[in-house]
Amino acid sequence: MTRSAGPFLAASSVQTEVTTEALKEFFNELTGILEPVPAEELSKAKNYVALAFPGRFETVGDIAAELEDMVIYGLPQDYFTTYVPGIRAVGAAELQKAAATYILPDRFAVVIVGDRQKIEAGVRALKLGPVTVMTVEQALGPAVKVE
């Protein structure tokens, strides 16, 4: 979204009763990203990204958006012609290094919106870190009245 660091997001809407289990599963998946990726899975993922690439240029609007990104991010003139070969060249070691650099589950900020009475005990039991409870007003500021 910008040339500098930005957020890494993972989100879901779940029923109140499974909030704790869903949060546990998020952390299982996000921690699992740090594990070595089997060669077959890496190959499938690279093929998926490479084969989806042409779909980013289906309409004039799509092309304009890709060119806009090229300008915003200062991408080289050959970016689009080298993208797929670059994806195909990614190896397990590079993937592992990127995951270890950017996926830091122990530094995540988790935001949960829901019925506090029903989910707080389960969330606290996961011991993911300190829990801060906020009202909507504390998080977003007072409501603005429109007259």
N, C-alpha and C. Protein backbone atom coordinates (compact mmCIF):
# COMPACT_ATOMS: atom_id res chain seq x y z
N MET A 1 0.81 -1.18 0.00
CA MET A 1 0.00 0.00 0.00
C MET A 1 0.86 1.26 0.00
N THR A 2 2.07 1.17 0.51
CA THR A 2 2.97 2.32 0.53
C THR A 2 4.38 1.82 0.24
N ARG A 3 5.29 2.74 0.07
CA ARG A 3 6.67 2.35 -0.17
C ARG A 3 7.37 1.90 1.10
N SER A 4 6.82 2.24 2.25
CA SER A 4 7.42 1.83 3.51
C SER A 4 6.62 0.70 4.13
N ALA A 5 6.98 0.33 5.33
CA ALA A 5 6.33 -0.79 6.00
C ALA A 5 4.83 -0.54 6.14
N GLY A 6 4.08 -1.60 6.11
CA GLY A 6 2.65 -1.51 6.26
C GLY A 6 2.15 -2.68 7.07
N PRO A 7 0.85 -2.78 7.23
CA PRO A 7 0.30 -3.85 8.07
C PRO A 7 0.29 -5.20 7.37
N PHE A 8 0.38 -6.22 8.17
CA PHE A 8 0.14 -7.59 7.73
C PHE A 8 -1.14 -7.99 8.43
N LEU A 9 -2.17 -8.33 7.68
CA LEU A 9 -3.48 -8.59 8.26
C LEU A 9 -3.96 -10.00 7.98
N ALA A 10 -4.62 -10.55 8.96
CA ALA A 10 -5.35 -11.80 8.79
C ALA A 10 -6.66 -11.57 9.52
N ALA A 11 -7.78 -11.84 8.87
CA ALA A 11 -9.06 -11.52 9.49
C ALA A 11 -10.08 -12.60 9.20
N SER A 12 -11.08 -12.66 10.07
CA SER A 12 -12.16 -13.61 9.87
C SER A 12 -13.37 -13.17 10.69
N SER A 13 -14.53 -13.56 10.24
CA SER A 13 -15.75 -13.39 11.02
C SER A 13 -16.19 -14.78 11.44
N VAL A 14 -16.31 -14.98 12.74
CA VAL A 14 -16.70 -16.30 13.25
C VAL A 14 -17.81 -16.13 14.27
N GLN A 15 -18.51 -17.22 14.53
CA GLN A 15 -19.55 -17.20 15.55
C GLN A 15 -18.89 -17.06 16.92
N THR A 16 -19.57 -16.40 17.82
CA THR A 16 -19.05 -16.13 19.16
C THR A 16 -18.50 -17.38 19.82
N GLU A 17 -19.21 -18.49 19.71
CA GLU A 17 -18.82 -19.72 20.40
C GLU A 17 -17.47 -20.28 19.96
N VAL A 18 -17.03 -19.92 18.78
CA VAL A 18 -15.76 -20.49 18.28
C VAL A 18 -14.65 -19.45 18.20
N THR A 19 -14.82 -18.33 18.88
CA THR A 19 -13.80 -17.28 18.84
C THR A 19 -12.45 -17.80 19.31
N THR A 20 -12.42 -18.47 20.44
CA THR A 20 -11.14 -18.98 20.98
C THR A 20 -10.50 -19.97 20.03
N GLU A 21 -11.29 -20.90 19.52
CA GLU A 21 -10.75 -21.92 18.60
C GLU A 21 -10.25 -21.27 17.31
N ALA A 22 -10.98 -20.27 16.82
CA ALA A 22 -10.55 -19.58 15.60
C ALA A 22 -9.24 -18.85 15.82
N LEU A 23 -9.12 -18.18 16.97
CA LEU A 23 -7.89 -17.47 17.28
C LEU A 23 -6.72 -18.44 17.41
N LYS A 24 -6.97 -19.57 18.04
CA LYS A 24 -5.94 -20.61 18.17
C LYS A 24 -5.51 -21.09 16.77
N GLU A 25 -6.47 -21.28 15.89
CA GLU A 25 -6.16 -21.75 14.53
C GLU A 25 -5.38 -20.70 13.75
N PHE A 26 -5.72 -19.42 13.92
CA PHE A 26 -4.95 -18.35 13.28
C PHE A 26 -3.49 -18.48 13.67
N PHE A 27 -3.23 -18.61 14.96
CA PHE A 27 -1.84 -18.69 15.41
C PHE A 27 -1.18 -19.98 14.97
N ASN A 28 -1.93 -21.09 14.88
CA ASN A 28 -1.35 -22.32 14.34
C ASN A 28 -0.89 -22.10 12.89
N GLU A 29 -1.75 -21.47 12.10
CA GLU A 29 -1.41 -21.22 10.70
C GLU A 29 -0.25 -20.23 10.56
N LEU A 30 -0.32 -19.14 11.32
CA LEU A 30 0.72 -18.11 11.20
C LEU A 30 2.06 -18.59 11.74
N THR A 31 2.05 -19.45 12.73
CA THR A 31 3.29 -20.05 13.21
C THR A 31 3.77 -21.10 12.21
N GLY A 32 2.83 -21.82 11.61
CA GLY A 32 3.18 -22.82 10.61
C GLY A 32 3.87 -22.24 9.39
N ILE A 33 3.60 -20.97 9.09
CA ILE A 33 4.26 -20.30 7.96
C ILE A 33 5.77 -20.31 8.15
N LEU A 34 6.20 -20.35 9.39
CA LEU A 34 7.63 -20.31 9.68
C LEU A 34 8.32 -21.65 9.47
N GLU A 35 7.54 -22.71 9.31
CA GLU A 35 8.10 -24.04 9.09
C GLU A 35 8.52 -24.21 7.63
N PRO A 36 9.48 -25.07 7.37
CA PRO A 36 9.88 -25.31 5.96
C PRO A 36 8.68 -25.79 5.13
N VAL A 37 8.62 -25.31 3.90
CA VAL A 37 7.52 -25.67 2.99
C VAL A 37 7.95 -26.86 2.14
N PRO A 38 7.13 -27.90 2.10
CA PRO A 38 7.46 -29.04 1.24
C PRO A 38 7.59 -28.60 -0.22
N ALA A 39 8.48 -29.21 -0.96
CA ALA A 39 8.75 -28.84 -2.35
C ALA A 39 7.49 -28.85 -3.20
N GLU A 40 6.64 -29.84 -3.03
CA GLU A 40 5.42 -29.93 -3.84
C GLU A 40 4.48 -28.75 -3.54
N GLU A 41 4.36 -28.37 -2.28
CA GLU A 41 3.50 -27.24 -1.91
C GLU A 41 4.05 -25.94 -2.46
N LEU A 42 5.36 -25.76 -2.39
CA LEU A 42 5.98 -24.56 -2.94
C LEU A 42 5.76 -24.49 -4.44
N SER A 43 5.91 -25.62 -5.12
CA SER A 43 5.70 -25.66 -6.56
C SER A 43 4.26 -25.29 -6.92
N LYS A 44 3.30 -25.83 -6.19
CA LYS A 44 1.89 -25.52 -6.44
C LYS A 44 1.61 -24.03 -6.22
N ALA A 45 2.17 -23.49 -5.16
CA ALA A 45 1.95 -22.07 -4.85
C ALA A 45 2.55 -21.18 -5.94
N LYS A 46 3.74 -21.50 -6.39
CA LYS A 46 4.38 -20.70 -7.44
C LYS A 46 3.59 -20.80 -8.74
N ASN A 47 3.11 -21.99 -9.06
CA ASN A 47 2.29 -22.16 -10.27
C ASN A 47 1.00 -21.35 -10.16
N TYR A 48 0.37 -21.36 -9.00
CA TYR A 48 -0.86 -20.60 -8.80
C TYR A 48 -0.62 -19.11 -9.04
N VAL A 49 0.43 -18.56 -8.43
CA VAL A 49 0.72 -17.13 -8.59
C VAL A 49 1.06 -16.82 -10.05
N ALA A 50 1.87 -17.65 -10.66
CA ALA A 50 2.27 -17.42 -12.05
C ALA A 50 1.08 -17.50 -13.00
N LEU A 51 0.23 -18.49 -12.81
CA LEU A 51 -0.92 -18.66 -13.71
C LEU A 51 -2.00 -17.60 -13.48
N ALA A 52 -2.06 -17.03 -12.28
CA ALA A 52 -3.03 -15.97 -12.00
C ALA A 52 -2.57 -14.61 -12.52
N PHE A 53 -1.29 -14.47 -12.80
CA PHE A 53 -0.72 -13.18 -13.19
C PHE A 53 -1.42 -12.56 -14.41
N PRO A 54 -1.67 -13.28 -15.49
CA PRO A 54 -2.32 -12.65 -16.64
C PRO A 54 -3.70 -12.07 -16.32
N GLY A 55 -4.38 -12.62 -15.34
CA GLY A 55 -5.69 -12.12 -14.95
C GLY A 55 -5.65 -10.71 -14.38
N ARG A 56 -4.47 -10.26 -14.03
CA ARG A 56 -4.32 -8.90 -13.51
C ARG A 56 -4.37 -7.86 -14.62
N PHE A 57 -4.48 -8.30 -15.88
CA PHE A 57 -4.45 -7.39 -17.03
C PHE A 57 -5.66 -7.58 -17.94
N GLU A 58 -6.78 -8.01 -17.40
CA GLU A 58 -7.93 -8.35 -18.22
C GLU A 58 -8.68 -7.15 -18.75
N THR A 59 -8.70 -6.06 -18.03
CA THR A 59 -9.45 -4.88 -18.47
C THR A 59 -8.52 -3.67 -18.54
N VAL A 60 -9.01 -2.63 -19.18
CA VAL A 60 -8.23 -1.39 -19.25
C VAL A 60 -7.99 -0.86 -17.84
N GLY A 61 -9.00 -0.99 -16.97
CA GLY A 61 -8.84 -0.57 -15.58
C GLY A 61 -7.78 -1.37 -14.84
N ASP A 62 -7.74 -2.68 -15.10
CA ASP A 62 -6.72 -3.53 -14.49
C ASP A 62 -5.32 -3.10 -14.93
N ILE A 63 -5.17 -2.85 -16.22
CA ILE A 63 -3.87 -2.42 -16.77
C ILE A 63 -3.46 -1.10 -16.14
N ALA A 64 -4.41 -0.17 -16.06
CA ALA A 64 -4.11 1.14 -15.45
C ALA A 64 -3.67 0.97 -14.00
N ALA A 65 -4.34 0.08 -13.26
CA ALA A 65 -3.98 -0.14 -11.85
C ALA A 65 -2.57 -0.72 -11.74
N GLU A 66 -2.22 -1.64 -12.63
CA GLU A 66 -0.87 -2.23 -12.60
C GLU A 66 0.18 -1.17 -12.94
N LEU A 67 -0.11 -0.33 -13.92
CA LEU A 67 0.83 0.74 -14.27
C LEU A 67 0.94 1.75 -13.14
N GLU A 68 -0.18 2.02 -12.48
CA GLU A 68 -0.16 2.92 -11.33
C GLU A 68 0.77 2.38 -10.24
N ASP A 69 0.65 1.09 -9.94
CA ASP A 69 1.54 0.47 -8.95
C ASP A 69 3.00 0.58 -9.37
N MET A 70 3.22 0.41 -10.66
CA MET A 70 4.59 0.51 -11.18
C MET A 70 5.19 1.89 -10.87
N VAL A 71 4.38 2.93 -11.05
CA VAL A 71 4.83 4.30 -10.78
C VAL A 71 4.96 4.54 -9.29
N ILE A 72 3.92 4.17 -8.52
CA ILE A 72 3.92 4.42 -7.07
C ILE A 72 5.10 3.76 -6.39
N TYR A 73 5.39 2.52 -6.76
CA TYR A 73 6.44 1.77 -6.08
C TYR A 73 7.80 1.87 -6.78
N GLY A 74 7.87 2.66 -7.85
CA GLY A 74 9.15 2.83 -8.55
C GLY A 74 9.69 1.52 -9.11
N LEU A 75 8.79 0.70 -9.63
CA LEU A 75 9.20 -0.60 -10.18
C LEU A 75 9.95 -0.41 -11.49
N PRO A 76 10.88 -1.31 -11.78
CA PRO A 76 11.66 -1.18 -13.03
C PRO A 76 10.79 -1.40 -14.27
N GLN A 77 11.25 -0.88 -15.39
CA GLN A 77 10.50 -1.00 -16.64
C GLN A 77 10.20 -2.45 -17.02
N ASP A 78 11.08 -3.37 -16.64
CA ASP A 78 10.89 -4.77 -17.02
C ASP A 78 10.15 -5.59 -15.95
N TYR A 79 9.54 -4.91 -14.99
CA TYR A 79 8.89 -5.60 -13.88
C TYR A 79 7.89 -6.65 -14.35
N PHE A 80 7.04 -6.30 -15.29
CA PHE A 80 5.99 -7.23 -15.71
C PHE A 80 6.55 -8.40 -16.50
N THR A 81 7.63 -8.20 -17.21
CA THR A 81 8.21 -9.31 -17.98
C THR A 81 9.08 -10.21 -17.10
N THR A 82 9.54 -9.71 -15.97
CA THR A 82 10.38 -10.52 -15.09
C THR A 82 9.62 -11.09 -13.89
N TYR A 83 8.36 -10.69 -13.72
CA TYR A 83 7.59 -11.10 -12.55
C TYR A 83 7.45 -12.63 -12.46
N VAL A 84 6.92 -13.25 -13.49
CA VAL A 84 6.69 -14.70 -13.44
C VAL A 84 8.00 -15.47 -13.33
N PRO A 85 9.03 -15.14 -14.11
CA PRO A 85 10.30 -15.84 -13.89
C PRO A 85 10.84 -15.64 -12.47
N GLY A 86 10.61 -14.47 -11.91
CA GLY A 86 11.04 -14.21 -10.53
C GLY A 86 10.30 -15.08 -9.53
N ILE A 87 9.00 -15.23 -9.74
CA ILE A 87 8.20 -16.10 -8.87
C ILE A 87 8.68 -17.54 -8.99
N ARG A 88 8.89 -17.98 -10.20
CA ARG A 88 9.33 -19.36 -10.42
C ARG A 88 10.72 -19.63 -9.84
N ALA A 89 11.52 -18.59 -9.70
CA ALA A 89 12.89 -18.75 -9.19
C ALA A 89 12.96 -18.79 -7.66
N VAL A 90 11.88 -18.44 -6.98
CA VAL A 90 11.90 -18.43 -5.52
C VAL A 90 12.12 -19.85 -5.01
N GLY A 91 13.09 -19.99 -4.14
CA GLY A 91 13.39 -21.29 -3.56
C GLY A 91 12.92 -21.38 -2.12
N ALA A 92 12.98 -22.57 -1.58
CA ALA A 92 12.53 -22.80 -0.20
C ALA A 92 13.32 -21.95 0.79
N ALA A 93 14.61 -21.80 0.57
CA ALA A 93 15.44 -21.02 1.50
C ALA A 93 15.03 -19.55 1.51
N GLU A 94 14.75 -18.98 0.33
CA GLU A 94 14.32 -17.57 0.26
C GLU A 94 12.96 -17.39 0.94
N LEU A 95 12.08 -18.35 0.72
CA LEU A 95 10.76 -18.30 1.33
C LEU A 95 10.87 -18.36 2.85
N GLN A 96 11.70 -19.26 3.34
CA GLN A 96 11.91 -19.42 4.78
C GLN A 96 12.49 -18.14 5.39
N LYS A 97 13.44 -17.53 4.68
CA LYS A 97 14.06 -16.29 5.18
C LYS A 97 13.03 -15.16 5.23
N ALA A 98 12.21 -15.03 4.20
CA ALA A 98 11.19 -13.98 4.17
C ALA A 98 10.18 -14.19 5.30
N ALA A 99 9.76 -15.42 5.51
CA ALA A 99 8.81 -15.70 6.58
C ALA A 99 9.40 -15.34 7.94
N ALA A 100 10.65 -15.73 8.17
CA ALA A 100 11.30 -15.44 9.46
C ALA A 100 11.50 -13.95 9.66
N THR A 101 11.64 -13.21 8.59
CA THR A 101 11.86 -11.76 8.68
C THR A 101 10.56 -11.01 8.93
N TYR A 102 9.49 -11.43 8.27
CA TYR A 102 8.26 -10.63 8.28
C TYR A 102 7.09 -11.20 9.07
N ILE A 103 7.08 -12.48 9.34
CA ILE A 103 5.98 -13.08 10.08
C ILE A 103 6.46 -13.30 11.52
N LEU A 104 6.02 -12.42 12.41
CA LEU A 104 6.51 -12.44 13.80
C LEU A 104 5.32 -12.58 14.76
N PRO A 105 4.80 -13.81 14.93
CA PRO A 105 3.60 -14.00 15.74
C PRO A 105 3.71 -13.44 17.16
N ASP A 106 4.89 -13.43 17.74
CA ASP A 106 5.02 -12.92 19.10
C ASP A 106 4.93 -11.39 19.17
N ARG A 107 4.85 -10.74 18.01
CA ARG A 107 4.72 -9.28 17.98
C ARG A 107 3.37 -8.84 17.40
N PHE A 108 2.47 -9.77 17.16
CA PHE A 108 1.18 -9.44 16.59
C PHE A 108 0.32 -8.67 17.59
N ALA A 109 -0.46 -7.76 17.07
CA ALA A 109 -1.53 -7.12 17.83
C ALA A 109 -2.82 -7.76 17.35
N VAL A 110 -3.58 -8.31 18.25
CA VAL A 110 -4.81 -9.01 17.90
C VAL A 110 -5.98 -8.15 18.34
N VAL A 111 -6.88 -7.89 17.42
CA VAL A 111 -8.09 -7.11 17.73
C VAL A 111 -9.28 -8.05 17.60
N ILE A 112 -10.03 -8.16 18.68
CA ILE A 112 -11.20 -9.03 18.69
C ILE A 112 -12.41 -8.17 19.05
N VAL A 113 -13.45 -8.28 18.26
CA VAL A 113 -14.68 -7.55 18.52
C VAL A 113 -15.76 -8.59 18.77
N GLY A 114 -16.42 -8.48 19.92
CA GLY A 114 -17.46 -9.46 20.19
C GLY A 114 -18.03 -9.29 21.58
N ASP A 115 -18.80 -10.26 21.99
CA ASP A 115 -19.45 -10.27 23.30
C ASP A 115 -18.41 -10.64 24.35
N ARG A 116 -17.95 -9.63 25.05
CA ARG A 116 -16.85 -9.81 26.01
C ARG A 116 -17.16 -10.90 27.03
N GLN A 117 -18.38 -10.92 27.56
CA GLN A 117 -18.73 -11.90 28.58
C GLN A 117 -18.58 -13.33 28.08
N LYS A 118 -18.78 -13.52 26.80
CA LYS A 118 -18.73 -14.88 26.25
C LYS A 118 -17.35 -15.28 25.76
N ILE A 119 -16.48 -14.32 25.41
CA ILE A 119 -15.21 -14.70 24.78
C ILE A 119 -13.96 -14.36 25.59
N GLU A 120 -14.07 -13.46 26.55
CA GLU A 120 -12.86 -13.00 27.24
C GLU A 120 -12.10 -14.11 27.95
N ALA A 121 -12.77 -14.96 28.69
CA ALA A 121 -12.08 -16.01 29.44
C ALA A 121 -11.29 -16.93 28.51
N GLY A 122 -11.90 -17.33 27.39
CA GLY A 122 -11.21 -18.21 26.44
C GLY A 122 -10.01 -17.55 25.80
N VAL A 123 -10.16 -16.27 25.46
CA VAL A 123 -9.05 -15.53 24.85
C VAL A 123 -7.90 -15.41 25.85
N ARG A 124 -8.22 -15.06 27.08
CA ARG A 124 -7.17 -14.93 28.10
C ARG A 124 -6.48 -16.27 28.34
N ALA A 125 -7.24 -17.37 28.30
CA ALA A 125 -6.67 -18.69 28.54
C ALA A 125 -5.62 -19.08 27.51
N LEU A 126 -5.68 -18.49 26.32
CA LEU A 126 -4.67 -18.78 25.29
C LEU A 126 -3.31 -18.20 25.64
N LYS A 127 -3.27 -17.21 26.54
CA LYS A 127 -2.02 -16.59 27.00
C LYS A 127 -1.15 -16.12 25.84
N LEU A 128 -1.79 -15.37 24.93
CA LEU A 128 -1.07 -14.84 23.77
C LEU A 128 -0.32 -13.55 24.11
N GLY A 129 -0.66 -12.96 25.24
CA GLY A 129 -0.02 -11.72 25.65
C GLY A 129 -0.99 -10.92 26.49
N PRO A 130 -0.61 -9.68 26.83
CA PRO A 130 -1.51 -8.85 27.63
C PRO A 130 -2.81 -8.57 26.88
N VAL A 131 -3.90 -8.49 27.63
CA VAL A 131 -5.20 -8.22 27.05
C VAL A 131 -5.64 -6.83 27.51
N THR A 132 -5.99 -5.98 26.56
CA THR A 132 -6.52 -4.66 26.85
C THR A 132 -7.95 -4.61 26.34
N VAL A 133 -8.87 -4.27 27.21
CA VAL A 133 -10.28 -4.20 26.83
C VAL A 133 -10.62 -2.73 26.59
N MET A 134 -11.24 -2.46 25.45
CA MET A 134 -11.60 -1.09 25.09
C MET A 134 -13.05 -1.03 24.64
N THR A 135 -13.68 0.10 24.90
CA THR A 135 -15.01 0.34 24.36
C THR A 135 -14.83 0.87 22.94
N VAL A 136 -15.91 0.92 22.20
CA VAL A 136 -15.86 1.47 20.84
C VAL A 136 -15.36 2.92 20.89
N GLU A 137 -15.85 3.68 21.86
CA GLU A 137 -15.45 5.09 21.97
C GLU A 137 -13.96 5.22 22.27
N GLN A 138 -13.43 4.34 23.11
CA GLN A 138 -12.00 4.39 23.41
C GLN A 138 -11.17 4.06 22.18
N ALA A 139 -11.65 3.14 21.38
CA ALA A 139 -10.89 2.72 20.20
C ALA A 139 -11.01 3.72 19.06
N LEU A 140 -12.21 4.26 18.84
CA LEU A 140 -12.45 5.09 17.66
C LEU A 140 -12.74 6.56 17.96
N GLY A 141 -12.92 6.88 19.24
CA GLY A 141 -13.28 8.25 19.58
C GLY A 141 -14.79 8.38 19.70
N PRO A 142 -15.24 9.51 20.21
CA PRO A 142 -16.69 9.68 20.39
C PRO A 142 -17.43 9.73 19.07
N ALA A 143 -18.66 9.29 19.11
CA ALA A 143 -19.50 9.32 17.91
C ALA A 143 -19.75 10.76 17.52
N VAL A 144 -19.77 11.01 16.24
CA VAL A 144 -20.04 12.35 15.71
C VAL A 144 -21.51 12.43 15.35
N LYS A 145 -22.18 13.43 15.86
CA LYS A 145 -23.59 13.61 15.54
C LYS A 145 -23.71 14.38 14.24
N VAL A 146 -24.53 13.87 13.35
CA VAL A 146 -24.79 14.53 12.08
C VAL A 146 -26.16 15.19 12.18
N GLU A 147 -26.19 16.48 11.95
CA GLU A 147 -27.46 17.20 12.06
C GLU A 147 -27.93 17.66 10.72
